[in-house]
């Protein structure tokens, strides 16, 4: 997300599964999701 390129209130169209990841991180989990806006 680039605040100077994307205005607040932009709708998310979909989640892109390519590049998505869920992995252990310390005592929890880290998730990476990519959104199509």
C-alpha atoms as a PDB file:
ATOM      1  CA  UNK A   1       0.000   0.000   0.000  1.00  0.00           C
ATOM      2  CA  UNK A   2       1.389   3.353  -1.001  1.00  0.00           C
ATOM      3  CA  UNK A   3      -0.550   6.184   0.687  1.00  0.00           C
ATOM      4  CA  UNK A   4       0.547   8.666  -1.982  1.00  0.00           C
ATOM      5  CA  UNK A   5      -0.775   6.403  -4.775  1.00  0.00           C
ATOM      6  CA  UNK A   6      -3.917   4.936  -3.159  1.00  0.00           C
ATOM      7  CA  UNK A   7      -6.623   7.101  -1.639  1.00  0.00           C
ATOM      8  CA  UNK A   8      -8.378   6.035   1.549  1.00  0.00           C
ATOM      9  CA  UNK A   9     -11.614   4.227   0.853  1.00  0.00           C
ATOM     10  CA  UNK A  10     -10.340   2.257  -2.145  1.00  0.00           C
ATOM     11  CA  UNK A  11     -12.251  -1.018  -2.332  1.00  0.00           C
ATOM     12  CA  UNK A  12     -10.425  -4.347  -2.318  1.00  0.00           C
ATOM     13  CA  UNK A  13     -11.531  -6.399  -5.331  1.00  0.00           C
ATOM     14  CA  UNK A  14     -10.018  -9.755  -4.367  1.00  0.00           C
ATOM     15  CA  UNK A  15      -7.231 -11.590  -2.556  1.00  0.00           C
ATOM     16  CA  UNK A  16      -4.490 -12.823  -4.885  1.00  0.00           C
ATOM     17  CA  UNK A  17      -3.289 -16.283  -3.849  1.00  0.00           C
ATOM     18  CA  UNK A  18       0.008 -16.101  -5.751  1.00  0.00           C
ATOM     19  CA  UNK A  19       2.639 -15.033  -3.233  1.00  0.00           C
ATOM     20  CA  UNK A  20       0.384 -15.682  -0.233  1.00  0.00           C
ATOM     21  CA  UNK A  21       2.134 -17.327   2.702  1.00  0.00           C
ATOM     22  CA  UNK A  22       1.528 -18.337   6.304  1.00  0.00           C
ATOM     23  CA  UNK A  23       4.584 -19.215   8.378  1.00  0.00           C
ATOM     24  CA  UNK A  24       5.626 -19.537  12.012  1.00  0.00           C
ATOM     25  CA  UNK A  25       7.176 -16.365  13.447  1.00  0.00           C
ATOM     26  CA  UNK A  26       8.452 -16.329  17.012  1.00  0.00           C
ATOM     27  CA  UNK A  27       5.598 -17.363  19.289  1.00  0.00           C
ATOM     28  CA  UNK A  28       2.925 -16.709  16.663  1.00  0.00           C
ATOM     29  CA  UNK A  29       2.346 -16.760  12.931  1.00  0.00           C
ATOM     30  CA  UNK A  30       3.036 -14.356  10.077  1.00  0.00           C
ATOM     31  CA  UNK A  31       0.671 -14.112   7.119  1.00  0.00           C
ATOM     32  CA  UNK A  32       1.329 -12.384   3.797  1.00  0.00           C
ATOM     33  CA  UNK A  33      -1.714 -11.637   1.660  1.00  0.00           C
ATOM     34  CA  UNK A  34      -1.769  -9.696  -1.585  1.00  0.00           C
ATOM     35  CA  UNK A  35      -4.881  -7.689  -2.411  1.00  0.00           C
ATOM     36  CA  UNK A  36      -6.090  -6.646  -5.857  1.00  0.00           C
ATOM     37  CA  UNK A  37      -7.321  -3.083  -5.620  1.00  0.00           C
END
